[in-house]
Amino acid sequence: MTYMKLKNIKIKDSYAVTVPKAEKLLKCKEHWEKNHTQDRYLTIDHNYNLIDGYIQYLILKENNVKEVEVKISNYKKKQWRRKRNNIMKKLEHRKTTTYIYGI
Protein backbone atom coordinates (compact mmCIF):
# COMPACT_ATOMS: atom_id res chain seq x y z
CA MET A 1 0.00 0.00 0.00
CA THR A 2 1.17 3.46 -0.79
CA TYR A 3 -0.11 6.96 -0.36
CA MET A 4 -0.83 9.44 -3.12
CA LYS A 5 -2.71 12.67 -3.69
CA LEU A 6 -6.42 12.24 -4.27
CA LYS A 7 -6.44 14.82 -7.07
CA ASN A 8 -4.05 12.65 -9.13
CA ILE A 9 -6.49 9.74 -9.32
CA LYS A 10 -8.37 9.59 -12.62
CA ILE A 11 -12.02 8.57 -12.68
CA LYS A 12 -13.37 6.68 -15.67
CA ASP A 13 -16.57 7.87 -17.30
CA SER A 14 -18.24 4.58 -16.38
CA TYR A 15 -17.82 5.44 -12.68
CA ALA A 16 -18.72 9.09 -13.07
CA VAL A 17 -22.16 8.37 -14.53
CA THR A 18 -23.16 5.71 -11.98
CA VAL A 19 -25.03 6.35 -8.75
CA PRO A 20 -23.67 4.29 -5.83
CA LYS A 21 -26.01 2.29 -3.64
CA ALA A 22 -27.27 4.31 -0.70
CA GLU A 23 -26.49 1.54 1.81
CA LYS A 24 -22.85 1.31 0.79
CA LEU A 25 -22.48 5.08 0.73
CA LEU A 26 -24.02 5.42 4.19
CA LYS A 27 -21.86 2.63 5.65
CA CYS A 28 -18.68 4.19 4.28
CA LYS A 29 -19.70 7.67 5.41
CA GLU A 30 -20.50 6.49 8.95
CA HIS A 31 -17.11 4.79 9.22
CA TRP A 32 -15.38 7.99 8.09
CA GLU A 33 -17.29 10.17 10.56
CA LYS A 34 -16.59 7.79 13.43
CA ASN A 35 -12.90 6.97 12.78
CA HIS A 36 -11.62 9.49 10.22
CA THR A 37 -9.91 6.62 8.41
CA GLN A 38 -10.56 4.76 5.19
CA ASP A 39 -12.55 1.56 5.68
CA ARG A 40 -11.16 0.25 2.38
CA TYR A 41 -8.32 1.23 0.13
CA LEU A 42 -8.60 2.61 -3.37
CA THR A 43 -7.31 0.31 -6.11
CA ILE A 44 -5.69 2.00 -9.08
CA ASP A 45 -3.80 0.84 -12.15
CA HIS A 46 -0.35 2.04 -13.18
CA ASN A 47 -1.89 4.99 -15.03
CA TYR A 48 -3.65 6.18 -11.84
CA ASN A 49 -7.10 5.17 -13.13
CA LEU A 50 -9.45 4.11 -10.37
CA ILE A 51 -10.29 0.41 -10.60
CA ASP A 52 -12.10 -0.17 -7.31
CA GLY A 53 -13.20 1.94 -4.34
CA TYR A 54 -15.33 4.61 -6.02
CA ILE A 55 -17.57 5.09 -2.97
CA GLN A 56 -14.54 5.56 -0.72
CA TYR A 57 -13.18 8.04 -3.28
CA LEU A 58 -16.42 10.05 -3.11
CA ILE A 59 -16.34 10.16 0.70
CA LEU A 60 -12.71 11.26 0.77
CA LYS A 61 -13.31 13.92 -1.85
CA GLU A 62 -16.37 15.19 0.04
CA ASN A 63 -14.24 15.57 3.19
CA ASN A 64 -11.38 17.37 1.37
CA VAL A 65 -8.79 14.70 2.09
CA LYS A 66 -5.52 15.42 0.29
CA GLU A 67 -3.59 12.13 0.55
CA VAL A 68 -5.17 8.68 0.42
CA GLU A 69 -4.07 5.10 0.83
CA VAL A 70 -4.04 3.23 -2.48
CA LYS A 71 -3.13 -0.17 -3.80
CA ILE A 72 -1.67 -0.41 -7.30
CA SER A 73 -3.13 -3.39 -9.13
CA ASN A 74 -1.33 -5.54 -11.67
CA TYR A 75 -4.61 -6.77 -13.16
CA LYS A 76 -5.85 -5.33 -16.42
CA LYS A 77 -9.56 -5.62 -15.63
CA LYS A 78 -11.36 -5.72 -12.30
CA GLN A 79 -14.15 -7.91 -13.70
CA TRP A 80 -11.77 -10.75 -14.55
CA ARG A 81 -10.38 -10.78 -11.04
CA ARG A 82 -13.78 -10.77 -9.39
CA LYS A 83 -15.14 -13.43 -11.73
CA ARG A 84 -12.14 -15.66 -11.04
CA ASN A 85 -12.49 -15.21 -7.27
CA ASN A 86 -16.21 -16.05 -7.42
CA ILE A 87 -15.49 -19.23 -9.37
CA MET A 88 -12.87 -20.27 -6.83
CA LYS A 89 -15.30 -19.65 -3.95
CA LYS A 90 -17.96 -21.77 -5.66
CA LEU A 91 -15.49 -24.59 -6.12
CA GLU A 92 -14.51 -24.46 -2.45
CA HIS A 93 -18.13 -24.81 -1.31
CA ARG A 94 -18.97 -27.62 -3.71
CA LYS A 95 -20.37 -30.67 -1.91
CA THR A 96 -20.41 -34.24 -3.12
CA THR A 97 -23.82 -35.44 -4.24
CA THR A 98 -24.68 -39.10 -3.95
CA TYR A 99 -27.50 -40.53 -6.04
CA ILE A 100 -29.22 -43.69 -4.85
CA TYR A 101 -31.30 -45.61 -7.37
CA GLY A 102 -33.69 -48.32 -6.32
CA ILE A 103 -36.89 -50.09 -7.10
PDB file of N, CA and C in Angstrom:
ATOM      1  N   MET A   1       0.839  -1.177   0.000  1.00  0.00           N
ATOM      2  CA  MET A   1       0.000   0.000   0.000  1.00  0.00           C
ATOM      3  C   MET A   1       0.888   1.246   0.000  1.00  0.00           C
ATOM      4  N   THR A   2       0.447   2.197  -0.712  1.00  0.00           N
ATOM      5  CA  THR A   2       1.166   3.456  -0.794  1.00  0.00           C
ATOM      6  C   THR A   2       0.180   4.605  -0.649  1.00  0.00           C
ATOM      7  N   TYR A   3       0.716   5.770  -0.467  1.00  0.00           N
ATOM      8  CA  TYR A   3      -0.112   6.965  -0.356  1.00  0.00           C
ATOM      9  C   TYR A   3       0.117   7.840  -1.567  1.00  0.00           C
ATOM     10  N   MET A   4      -0.942   8.496  -2.016  1.00  0.00           N
ATOM     11  CA  MET A   4      -0.828   9.437  -3.120  1.00  0.00           C
ATOM     12  C   MET A   4      -1.891  10.514  -2.982  1.00  0.00           C
ATOM     13  N   LYS A   5      -1.754  11.578  -3.747  1.00  0.00           N
ATOM     14  CA  LYS A   5      -2.707  12.675  -3.694  1.00  0.00           C
ATOM     15  C   LYS A   5      -4.003  12.269  -4.387  1.00  0.00           C
ATOM     16  N   LEU A   6      -5.104  12.598  -3.753  1.00  0.00           N
ATOM     17  CA  LEU A   6      -6.420  12.244  -4.275  1.00  0.00           C
ATOM     18  C   LEU A   6      -6.678  12.894  -5.631  1.00  0.00           C
ATOM     19  N   LYS A   7      -6.188  14.101  -5.820  1.00  0.00           N
ATOM     20  CA  LYS A   7      -6.444  14.820  -7.073  1.00  0.00           C
ATOM     21  C   LYS A   7      -5.752  14.176  -8.269  1.00  0.00           C
ATOM     22  N   ASN A   8      -4.762  13.310  -8.040  1.00  0.00           N
ATOM     23  CA  ASN A   8      -4.051  12.647  -9.133  1.00  0.00           C
ATOM     24  C   ASN A   8      -4.759  11.394  -9.638  1.00  0.00           C
ATOM     25  N   ILE A   9      -5.766  10.934  -8.916  1.00  0.00           N
ATOM     26  CA  ILE A   9      -6.492   9.735  -9.320  1.00  0.00           C
ATOM     27  C   ILE A   9      -7.495  10.100 -10.407  1.00  0.00           C
ATOM     28  N   LYS A  10      -7.470   9.342 -11.491  1.00  0.00           N
ATOM     29  CA  LYS A  10      -8.369   9.591 -12.620  1.00  0.00           C
ATOM     30  C   LYS A  10      -9.607   8.702 -12.496  1.00  0.00           C
ATOM     31  N   ILE A  11     -10.760   9.299 -12.756  1.00  0.00           N
ATOM     32  CA  ILE A  11     -12.023   8.570 -12.675  1.00  0.00           C
ATOM     33  C   ILE A  11     -12.527   8.303 -14.089  1.00  0.00           C
ATOM     34  N   LYS A  12     -12.837   7.048 -14.368  1.00  0.00           N
ATOM     35  CA  LYS A  12     -13.369   6.680 -15.675  1.00  0.00           C
ATOM     36  C   LYS A  12     -14.789   7.200 -15.815  1.00  0.00           C
ATOM     37  N   ASP A  13     -15.205   7.403 -17.044  1.00  0.00           N
ATOM     38  CA  ASP A  13     -16.571   7.867 -17.303  1.00  0.00           C
ATOM     39  C   ASP A  13     -17.611   6.875 -16.798  1.00  0.00           C
ATOM     40  N   SER A  14     -17.298   5.594 -16.843  1.00  0.00           N
ATOM     41  CA  SER A  14     -18.244   4.583 -16.377  1.00  0.00           C
ATOM     42  C   SER A  14     -18.552   4.740 -14.888  1.00  0.00           C
ATOM     43  N   TYR A  15     -17.571   5.163 -14.096  1.00  0.00           N
ATOM     44  CA  TYR A  15     -17.818   5.436 -12.676  1.00  0.00           C
ATOM     45  C   TYR A  15     -18.550   6.759 -12.494  1.00  0.00           C
ATOM     46  N   ALA A  16     -18.171   7.751 -13.253  1.00  0.00           N
ATOM     47  CA  ALA A  16     -18.715   9.090 -13.073  1.00  0.00           C
ATOM     48  C   ALA A  16     -20.218   9.161 -13.335  1.00  0.00           C
ATOM     49  N   VAL A  17     -20.734   8.318 -14.205  1.00  0.00           N
ATOM     50  CA  VAL A  17     -22.161   8.365 -14.529  1.00  0.00           C
ATOM     51  C   VAL A  17     -23.008   7.460 -13.644  1.00  0.00           C
ATOM     52  N   THR A  18     -22.388   6.613 -12.834  1.00  0.00           N
ATOM     53  CA  THR A  18     -23.162   5.706 -11.979  1.00  0.00           C
ATOM     54  C   THR A  18     -23.506   6.367 -10.657  1.00  0.00           C
ATOM     55  N   VAL A  19     -24.600   5.899 -10.073  1.00  0.00           N
ATOM     56  CA  VAL A  19     -25.026   6.349  -8.752  1.00  0.00           C
ATOM     57  C   VAL A  19     -24.790   5.196  -7.788  1.00  0.00           C
ATOM     58  N   PRO A  20     -23.951   5.384  -6.774  1.00  0.00           N
ATOM     59  CA  PRO A  20     -23.667   4.294  -5.830  1.00  0.00           C
ATOM     60  C   PRO A  20     -24.892   3.953  -4.985  1.00  0.00           C
ATOM     61  N   LYS A  21     -24.928   2.722  -4.504  1.00  0.00           N
ATOM     62  CA  LYS A  21     -26.013   2.289  -3.640  1.00  0.00           C
ATOM     63  C   LYS A  21     -25.983   3.089  -2.345  1.00  0.00           C
ATOM     64  N   ALA A  22     -27.156   3.477  -1.893  1.00  0.00           N
ATOM     65  CA  ALA A  22     -27.273   4.313  -0.704  1.00  0.00           C
ATOM     66  C   ALA A  22     -26.736   3.605   0.542  1.00  0.00           C
ATOM     67  N   GLU A  23     -26.953   2.293   0.631  1.00  0.00           N
ATOM     68  CA  GLU A  23     -26.495   1.540   1.812  1.00  0.00           C
ATOM     69  C   GLU A  23     -24.973   1.558   1.919  1.00  0.00           C
ATOM     70  N   LYS A  24     -24.312   1.315   0.785  1.00  0.00           N
ATOM     71  CA  LYS A  24     -22.847   1.313   0.790  1.00  0.00           C
ATOM     72  C   LYS A  24     -22.299   2.703   1.101  1.00  0.00           C
ATOM     73  N   LEU A  25     -22.917   3.705   0.511  1.00  0.00           N
ATOM     74  CA  LEU A  25     -22.477   5.079   0.732  1.00  0.00           C
ATOM     75  C   LEU A  25     -22.634   5.465   2.195  1.00  0.00           C
ATOM     76  N   LEU A  26     -23.762   5.103   2.787  1.00  0.00           N
ATOM     77  CA  LEU A  26     -24.020   5.419   4.193  1.00  0.00           C
ATOM     78  C   LEU A  26     -23.045   4.690   5.112  1.00  0.00           C
ATOM     79  N   LYS A  27     -22.787   3.418   4.831  1.00  0.00           N
ATOM     80  CA  LYS A  27     -21.858   2.631   5.652  1.00  0.00           C
ATOM     81  C   LYS A  27     -20.459   3.241   5.627  1.00  0.00           C
ATOM     82  N   CYS A  28     -20.019   3.608   4.444  1.00  0.00           N
ATOM     83  CA  CYS A  28     -18.683   4.191   4.282  1.00  0.00           C
ATOM     84  C   CYS A  28     -18.609   5.563   4.958  1.00  0.00           C
ATOM     85  N   LYS A  29     -19.670   6.333   4.814  1.00  0.00           N
ATOM     86  CA  LYS A  29     -19.705   7.670   5.408  1.00  0.00           C
ATOM     87  C   LYS A  29     -19.706   7.595   6.935  1.00  0.00           C
ATOM     88  N   GLU A  30     -20.467   6.666   7.498  1.00  0.00           N
ATOM     89  CA  GLU A  30     -20.499   6.487   8.952  1.00  0.00           C
ATOM     90  C   GLU A  30     -19.130   6.094   9.492  1.00  0.00           C
ATOM     91  N   HIS A  31     -18.450   5.205   8.781  1.00  0.00           N
ATOM     92  CA  HIS A  31     -17.111   4.791   9.221  1.00  0.00           C
ATOM     93  C   HIS A  31     -16.163   5.986   9.209  1.00  0.00           C
ATOM     94  N   TRP A  32     -16.250   6.816   8.176  1.00  0.00           N
ATOM     95  CA  TRP A  32     -15.376   7.988   8.094  1.00  0.00           C
ATOM     96  C   TRP A  32     -15.655   8.961   9.237  1.00  0.00           C
ATOM     97  N   GLU A  33     -16.933   9.225   9.510  1.00  0.00           N
ATOM     98  CA  GLU A  33     -17.292  10.172  10.562  1.00  0.00           C
ATOM     99  C   GLU A  33     -16.877   9.672  11.938  1.00  0.00           C
ATOM    100  N   LYS A  34     -16.929   8.366  12.130  1.00  0.00           N
ATOM    101  CA  LYS A  34     -16.586   7.789  13.431  1.00  0.00           C
ATOM    102  C   LYS A  34     -15.072   7.704  13.644  1.00  0.00           C
ATOM    103  N   ASN A  35     -14.324   7.272  12.610  1.00  0.00           N
ATOM    104  CA  ASN A  35     -12.904   6.968  12.780  1.00  0.00           C
ATOM    105  C   ASN A  35     -11.948   7.905  12.040  1.00  0.00           C
ATOM    106  N   HIS A  36     -12.445   8.639  11.081  1.00  0.00           N
ATOM    107  CA  HIS A  36     -11.616   9.489  10.220  1.00  0.00           C
ATOM    108  C   HIS A  36     -10.490   8.695   9.569  1.00  0.00           C
ATOM    109  N   THR A  37     -10.829   7.475   9.155  1.00  0.00           N
ATOM    110  CA  THR A  37      -9.911   6.619   8.411  1.00  0.00           C
ATOM    111  C   THR A  37     -10.677   5.954   7.272  1.00  0.00           C
ATOM    112  N   GLN A  38      -9.943   5.486   6.284  1.00  0.00           N
ATOM    113  CA  GLN A  38     -10.564   4.757   5.190  1.00  0.00           C
ATOM    114  C   GLN A  38     -10.972   3.379   5.686  1.00  0.00           C
ATOM    115  N   ASP A  39     -12.162   2.932   5.315  1.00  0.00           N
ATOM    116  CA  ASP A  39     -12.551   1.564   5.682  1.00  0.00           C
ATOM    117  C   ASP A  39     -12.136   0.574   4.599  1.00  0.00           C
ATOM    118  N   ARG A  40     -11.709   1.076   3.453  1.00  0.00           N
ATOM    119  CA  ARG A  40     -11.164   0.253   2.376  1.00  0.00           C
ATOM    120  C   ARG A  40     -10.183   1.106   1.589  1.00  0.00           C
ATOM    121  N   TYR A  41      -9.282   0.473   0.905  1.00  0.00           N
ATOM    122  CA  TYR A  41      -8.316   1.228   0.130  1.00  0.00           C
ATOM    123  C   TYR A  41      -8.828   1.408  -1.298  1.00  0.00           C
ATOM    124  N   LEU A  42      -8.279   2.369  -1.973  1.00  0.00           N
ATOM    125  CA  LEU A  42      -8.601   2.606  -3.372  1.00  0.00           C
ATOM    126  C   LEU A  42      -7.638   1.779  -4.218  1.00  0.00           C
ATOM    127  N   THR A  43      -8.152   1.097  -5.223  1.00  0.00           N
ATOM    128  CA  THR A  43      -7.313   0.313  -6.112  1.00  0.00           C
ATOM    129  C   THR A  43      -7.188   1.065  -7.427  1.00  0.00           C
ATOM    130  N   ILE A  44      -5.942   1.281  -7.834  1.00  0.00           N
ATOM    131  CA  ILE A  44      -5.693   2.005  -9.084  1.00  0.00           C
ATOM    132  C   ILE A  44      -4.768   1.174  -9.961  1.00  0.00           C
ATOM    133  N   ASP A  45      -4.762   1.492 -11.258  1.00  0.00           N
ATOM    134  CA  ASP A  45      -3.801   0.841 -12.146  1.00  0.00           C
ATOM    135  C   ASP A  45      -2.545   1.702 -12.244  1.00  0.00           C
ATOM    136  N   HIS A  46      -1.617   1.317 -13.088  1.00  0.00           N
ATOM    137  CA  HIS A  46      -0.346   2.038 -13.181  1.00  0.00           C
ATOM    138  C   HIS A  46      -0.484   3.415 -13.819  1.00  0.00           C
ATOM    139  N   ASN A  47      -1.632   3.679 -14.446  1.00  0.00           N
ATOM    140  CA  ASN A  47      -1.895   4.994 -15.035  1.00  0.00           C
ATOM    141  C   ASN A  47      -2.729   5.873 -14.110  1.00  0.00           C
ATOM    142  N   TYR A  48      -2.879   5.467 -12.871  1.00  0.00           N
ATOM    143  CA  TYR A  48      -3.651   6.183 -11.845  1.00  0.00           C
ATOM    144  C   TYR A  48      -5.145   6.227 -12.128  1.00  0.00           C
ATOM    145  N   ASN A  49      -5.661   5.290 -12.928  1.00  0.00           N
ATOM    146  CA  ASN A  49      -7.096   5.166 -13.133  1.00  0.00           C
ATOM    147  C   ASN A  49      -7.682   4.353 -11.987  1.00  0.00           C
ATOM    148  N   LEU A  50      -8.799   4.815 -11.459  1.00  0.00           N
ATOM    149  CA  LEU A  50      -9.450   4.107 -10.366  1.00  0.00           C
ATOM    150  C   LEU A  50     -10.062   2.811 -10.880  1.00  0.00           C
ATOM    151  N   ILE A  51      -9.743   1.705 -10.235  1.00  0.00           N
ATOM    152  CA  ILE A  51     -10.288   0.409 -10.602  1.00  0.00           C
ATOM    153  C   ILE A  51     -11.377   0.003  -9.617  1.00  0.00           C
ATOM    154  N   ASP A  52     -11.133   0.229  -8.339  1.00  0.00           N
ATOM    155  CA  ASP A  52     -12.100  -0.167  -7.309  1.00  0.00           C
ATOM    156  C   ASP A  52     -12.020   0.829  -6.153  1.00  0.00           C
ATOM    157  N   GLY A  53     -13.160   1.054  -5.487  1.00  0.00           N
ATOM    158  CA  GLY A  53     -13.204   1.942  -4.342  1.00  0.00           C
ATOM    159  C   GLY A  53     -13.817   3.297  -4.654  1.00  0.00           C
ATOM    160  N   TYR A  54     -14.745   3.335  -5.611  1.00  0.00           N
ATOM    161  CA  TYR A  54     -15.329   4.614  -6.018  1.00  0.00           C
ATOM    162  C   TYR A  54     -16.095   5.282  -4.877  1.00  0.00           C
ATOM    163  N   ILE A  55     -16.803   4.505  -4.084  1.00  0.00           N
ATOM    164  CA  ILE A  55     -17.567   5.086  -2.970  1.00  0.00           C
ATOM    165  C   ILE A  55     -16.616   5.706  -1.953  1.00  0.00           C
ATOM    166  N   GLN A  56     -15.536   5.012  -1.643  1.00  0.00           N
ATOM    167  CA  GLN A  56     -14.539   5.562  -0.722  1.00  0.00           C
ATOM    168  C   GLN A  56     -13.941   6.838  -1.303  1.00  0.00           C
ATOM    169  N   TYR A  57     -13.706   6.849  -2.596  1.00  0.00           N
ATOM    170  CA  TYR A  57     -13.185   8.039  -3.275  1.00  0.00           C
ATOM    171  C   TYR A  57     -14.134   9.217  -3.089  1.00  0.00           C
ATOM    172  N   LEU A  58     -15.439   8.979  -3.268  1.00  0.00           N
ATOM    173  CA  LEU A  58     -16.421  10.054  -3.111  1.00  0.00           C
ATOM    174  C   LEU A  58     -16.428  10.612  -1.688  1.00  0.00           C
ATOM    175  N   ILE A  59     -16.346   9.728  -0.708  1.00  0.00           N
ATOM    176  CA  ILE A  59     -16.342  10.156   0.701  1.00  0.00           C
ATOM    177  C   ILE A  59     -15.095  10.981   0.997  1.00  0.00           C
ATOM    178  N   LEU A  60     -13.957  10.530   0.529  1.00  0.00           N
ATOM    179  CA  LEU A  60     -12.710  11.255   0.774  1.00  0.00           C
ATOM    180  C   LEU A  60     -12.711  12.617   0.080  1.00  0.00           C
ATOM    181  N   LYS A  61     -13.231  12.661  -1.116  1.00  0.00           N
ATOM    182  CA  LYS A  61     -13.309  13.922  -1.847  1.00  0.00           C
ATOM    183  C   LYS A  61     -14.266  14.891  -1.156  1.00  0.00           C
ATOM    184  N   GLU A  62     -15.379  14.370  -0.665  1.00  0.00           N
ATOM    185  CA  GLU A  62     -16.369  15.192   0.043  1.00  0.00           C
ATOM    186  C   GLU A  62     -15.777  15.809   1.300  1.00  0.00           C
ATOM    187  N   ASN A  63     -14.849  15.105   1.940  1.00  0.00           N
ATOM    188  CA  ASN A  63     -14.242  15.573   3.185  1.00  0.00           C
ATOM    189  C   ASN A  63     -12.896  16.268   2.963  1.00  0.00           C
ATOM    190  N   ASN A  64     -12.591  16.617   1.729  1.00  0.00           N
ATOM    191  CA  ASN A  64     -11.384  17.373   1.373  1.00  0.00           C
ATOM    192  C   ASN A  64     -10.091  16.730   1.858  1.00  0.00           C
ATOM    193  N   VAL A  65     -10.005  15.424   1.725  1.00  0.00           N
ATOM    194  CA  VAL A  65      -8.794  14.701   2.086  1.00  0.00           C
ATOM    195  C   VAL A  65      -7.791  14.867   0.953  1.00  0.00           C
ATOM    196  N   LYS A  66      -6.553  15.170   1.295  1.00  0.00           N
ATOM    197  CA  LYS A  66      -5.521  15.424   0.286  1.00  0.00           C
ATOM    198  C   LYS A  66      -4.779  14.159  -0.130  1.00  0.00           C
ATOM    199  N   GLU A  67      -4.335  13.352   0.844  1.00  0.00           N
ATOM    200  CA  GLU A  67      -3.589  12.132   0.553  1.00  0.00           C
ATOM    201  C   GLU A  67      -4.380  10.920   0.998  1.00  0.00           C
ATOM    202  N   VAL A  68      -4.384   9.884   0.150  1.00  0.00           N
ATOM    203  CA  VAL A  68      -5.169   8.682   0.420  1.00  0.00           C
ATOM    204  C   VAL A  68      -4.303   7.442   0.281  1.00  0.00           C
ATOM    205  N   GLU A  69      -4.752   6.382   0.899  1.00  0.00           N
ATOM    206  CA  GLU A  69      -4.068   5.100   0.831  1.00  0.00           C
ATOM    207  C   GLU A  69      -4.577   4.353  -0.405  1.00  0.00           C
ATOM    208  N   VAL A  70      -3.663   3.929  -1.260  1.00  0.00           N
ATOM    209  CA  VAL A  70      -4.039   3.232  -2.484  1.00  0.00           C
ATOM    210  C   VAL A  70      -3.257   1.934  -2.621  1.00  0.00           C
ATOM    211  N   LYS A  71      -3.813   1.058  -3.425  1.00  0.00           N
ATOM    212  CA  LYS A  71      -3.131  -0.171  -3.802  1.00  0.00           C
ATOM    213  C   LYS A  71      -3.043  -0.165  -5.323  1.00  0.00           C
ATOM    214  N   ILE A  72      -1.856  -0.380  -5.855  1.00  0.00           N
ATOM    215  CA  ILE A  72      -1.671  -0.406  -7.298  1.00  0.00           C
ATOM    216  C   ILE A  72      -1.830  -1.847  -7.771  1.00  0.00           C
ATOM    217  N   SER A  73      -2.782  -2.050  -8.661  1.00  0.00           N
ATOM    218  CA  SER A  73      -3.126  -3.388  -9.128  1.00  0.00           C
ATOM    219  C   SER A  73      -2.331  -3.754 -10.367  1.00  0.00           C
ATOM    220  N   ASN A  74      -2.002  -5.024 -10.478  1.00  0.00           N
ATOM    221  CA  ASN A  74      -1.330  -5.543 -11.665  1.00  0.00           C
ATOM    222  C   ASN A  74      -2.325  -6.082 -12.684  1.00  0.00           C
ATOM    223  N   TYR A  75      -3.587  -6.211 -12.276  1.00  0.00           N
ATOM    224  CA  TYR A  75      -4.606  -6.770 -13.156  1.00  0.00           C
ATOM    225  C   TYR A  75      -5.064  -5.742 -14.176  1.00  0.00           C
ATOM    226  N   LYS A  76      -5.389  -6.213 -15.359  1.00  0.00           N
ATOM    227  CA  LYS A  76      -5.853  -5.328 -16.420  1.00  0.00           C
ATOM    228  C   LYS A  76      -7.309  -4.927 -16.210  1.00  0.00           C
ATOM    229  N   LYS A  77      -8.143  -5.904 -15.800  1.00  0.00           N
ATOM    230  CA  LYS A  77      -9.563  -5.618 -15.631  1.00  0.00           C
ATOM    231  C   LYS A  77     -10.036  -6.136 -14.285  1.00  0.00           C
ATOM    232  N   LYS A  78     -10.813  -5.333 -13.598  1.00  0.00           N
ATOM    233  CA  LYS A  78     -11.357  -5.720 -12.303  1.00  0.00           C
ATOM    234  C   LYS A  78     -12.334  -6.885 -12.456  1.00  0.00           C
ATOM    235  N   GLN A  79     -13.124  -6.898 -13.528  1.00  0.00           N
ATOM    236  CA  GLN A  79     -14.153  -7.909 -13.700  1.00  0.00           C
ATOM    237  C   GLN A  79     -13.544  -9.308 -13.767  1.00  0.00           C
ATOM    238  N   TRP A  80     -12.401  -9.443 -14.440  1.00  0.00           N
ATOM    239  CA  TRP A  80     -11.775 -10.746 -14.549  1.00  0.00           C
ATOM    240  C   TRP A  80     -11.372 -11.253 -13.175  1.00  0.00           C
ATOM    241  N   ARG A  81     -10.826 -10.383 -12.369  1.00  0.00           N
ATOM    242  CA  ARG A  81     -10.375 -10.785 -11.040  1.00  0.00           C
ATOM    243  C   ARG A  81     -11.550 -11.206 -10.179  1.00  0.00           C
ATOM    244  N   ARG A  82     -12.619 -10.424 -10.196  1.00  0.00           N
ATOM    245  CA  ARG A  82     -13.785 -10.774  -9.390  1.00  0.00           C
ATOM    246  C   ARG A  82     -14.420 -12.062  -9.882  1.00  0.00           C
ATOM    247  N   LYS A  83     -14.521 -12.220 -11.184  1.00  0.00           N
ATOM    248  CA  LYS A  83     -15.139 -13.427 -11.732  1.00  0.00           C
ATOM    249  C   LYS A  83     -14.320 -14.651 -11.321  1.00  0.00           C
ATOM    250  N   ARG A  84     -13.003 -14.544 -11.404  1.00  0.00           N
ATOM    251  CA  ARG A  84     -12.136 -15.663 -11.038  1.00  0.00           C
ATOM    252  C   ARG A  84     -12.284 -15.983  -9.553  1.00  0.00           C
ATOM    253  N   ASN A  85     -12.337 -14.978  -8.702  1.00  0.00           N
ATOM    254  CA  ASN A  85     -12.494 -15.206  -7.270  1.00  0.00           C
ATOM    255  C   ASN A  85     -13.834 -15.856  -6.961  1.00  0.00           C
ATOM    256  N   ASN A  86     -14.894 -15.448  -7.650  1.00  0.00           N
ATOM    257  CA  ASN A  86     -16.209 -16.045  -7.421  1.00  0.00           C
ATOM    258  C   ASN A  86     -16.220 -17.507  -7.834  1.00  0.00           C
ATOM    259  N   ILE A  87     -15.561 -17.848  -8.934  1.00  0.00           N
ATOM    260  CA  ILE A  87     -15.495 -19.232  -9.372  1.00  0.00           C
ATOM    261  C   ILE A  87     -14.748 -20.065  -8.345  1.00  0.00           C
ATOM    262  N   MET A  88     -13.641 -19.531  -7.839  1.00  0.00           N
ATOM    263  CA  MET A  88     -12.868 -20.273  -6.834  1.00  0.00           C
ATOM    264  C   MET A  88     -13.677 -20.488  -5.563  1.00  0.00           C
ATOM    265  N   LYS A  89     -14.462 -19.496  -5.143  1.00  0.00           N
ATOM    266  CA  LYS A  89     -15.301 -19.651  -3.954  1.00  0.00           C
ATOM    267  C   LYS A  89     -16.355 -20.726  -4.168  1.00  0.00           C
ATOM    268  N   LYS A  90     -16.955 -20.758  -5.362  1.00  0.00           N
ATOM    269  CA  LYS A  90     -17.960 -21.771  -5.656  1.00  0.00           C
ATOM    270  C   LYS A  90     -17.357 -23.164  -5.622  1.00  0.00           C
ATOM    271  N   LEU A  91     -16.144 -23.290  -6.124  1.00  0.00           N
ATOM    272  CA  LEU A  91     -15.493 -24.594  -6.119  1.00  0.00           C
ATOM    273  C   LEU A  91     -15.165 -25.049  -4.700  1.00  0.00           C
ATOM    274  N   GLU A  92     -14.831 -24.111  -3.827  1.00  0.00           N
ATOM    275  CA  GLU A  92     -14.506 -24.461  -2.449  1.00  0.00           C
ATOM    276  C   GLU A  92     -15.729 -24.972  -1.698  1.00  0.00           C
ATOM    277  N   HIS A  93     -16.906 -24.448  -2.030  1.00  0.00           N
ATOM    278  CA  HIS A  93     -18.127 -24.812  -1.310  1.00  0.00           C
ATOM    279  C   HIS A  93     -18.878 -25.965  -1.977  1.00  0.00           C
ATOM    280  N   ARG A  94     -18.310 -26.535  -2.998  1.00  0.00           N
ATOM    281  CA  ARG A  94     -18.971 -27.625  -3.712  1.00  0.00           C
ATOM    282  C   ARG A  94     -19.021 -28.848  -2.809  1.00  0.00           C
ATOM    283  N   LYS A  95     -20.194 -29.472  -2.726  1.00  0.00           N
ATOM    284  CA  LYS A  95     -20.367 -30.671  -1.913  1.00  0.00           C
ATOM    285  C   LYS A  95     -20.583 -31.864  -2.827  1.00  0.00           C
ATOM    286  N   THR A  96     -20.219 -33.020  -2.351  1.00  0.00           N
ATOM    287  CA  THR A  96     -20.408 -34.240  -3.117  1.00  0.00           C
ATOM    288  C   THR A  96     -21.868 -34.650  -3.041  1.00  0.00           C
ATOM    289  N   THR A  97     -22.437 -34.982  -4.182  1.00  0.00           N
ATOM    290  CA  THR A  97     -23.821 -35.439  -4.239  1.00  0.00           C
ATOM    291  C   THR A  97     -23.827 -36.930  -4.536  1.00  0.00           C
ATOM    292  N   THR A  98     -24.566 -37.655  -3.747  1.00  0.00           N
ATOM    293  CA  THR A  98     -24.677 -39.103  -3.948  1.00  0.00           C
ATOM    294  C   THR A  98     -26.093 -39.419  -4.406  1.00  0.00           C
ATOM    295  N   TYR A  99     -26.212 -40.115  -5.527  1.00  0.00           N
ATOM    296  CA  TYR A  99     -27.496 -40.528  -6.040  1.00  0.00           C
ATOM    297  C   TYR A  99     -27.707 -41.996  -5.717  1.00  0.00           C
ATOM    298  N   ILE A 100     -28.883 -42.314  -5.194  1.00  0.00           N
ATOM    299  CA  ILE A 100     -29.218 -43.695  -4.851  1.00  0.00           C
ATOM    300  C   ILE A 100     -30.414 -44.097  -5.711  1.00  0.00           C
ATOM    301  N   TYR A 101     -30.224 -45.132  -6.505  1.00  0.00           N
ATOM    302  CA  TYR A 101     -31.295 -45.610  -7.374  1.00  0.00           C
ATOM    303  C   TYR A 101     -31.830 -46.903  -6.799  1.00  0.00           C
ATOM    304  N   GLY A 102     -33.121 -47.092  -6.828  1.00  0.00           N
ATOM    305  CA  GLY A 102     -33.691 -48.316  -6.324  1.00  0.00           C
ATOM    306  C   GLY A 102     -35.079 -48.564  -6.901  1.00  0.00           C
ATOM    307  N   ILE A 103     -35.553 -49.713  -6.620  1.00  0.00           N
ATOM    308  CA  ILE A 103     -36.887 -50.094  -7.103  1.00  0.00           C
ATOM    309  C   ILE A 103     -37.866 -50.035  -5.941  1.00  0.00           C
TER     310      ILE A 103
END
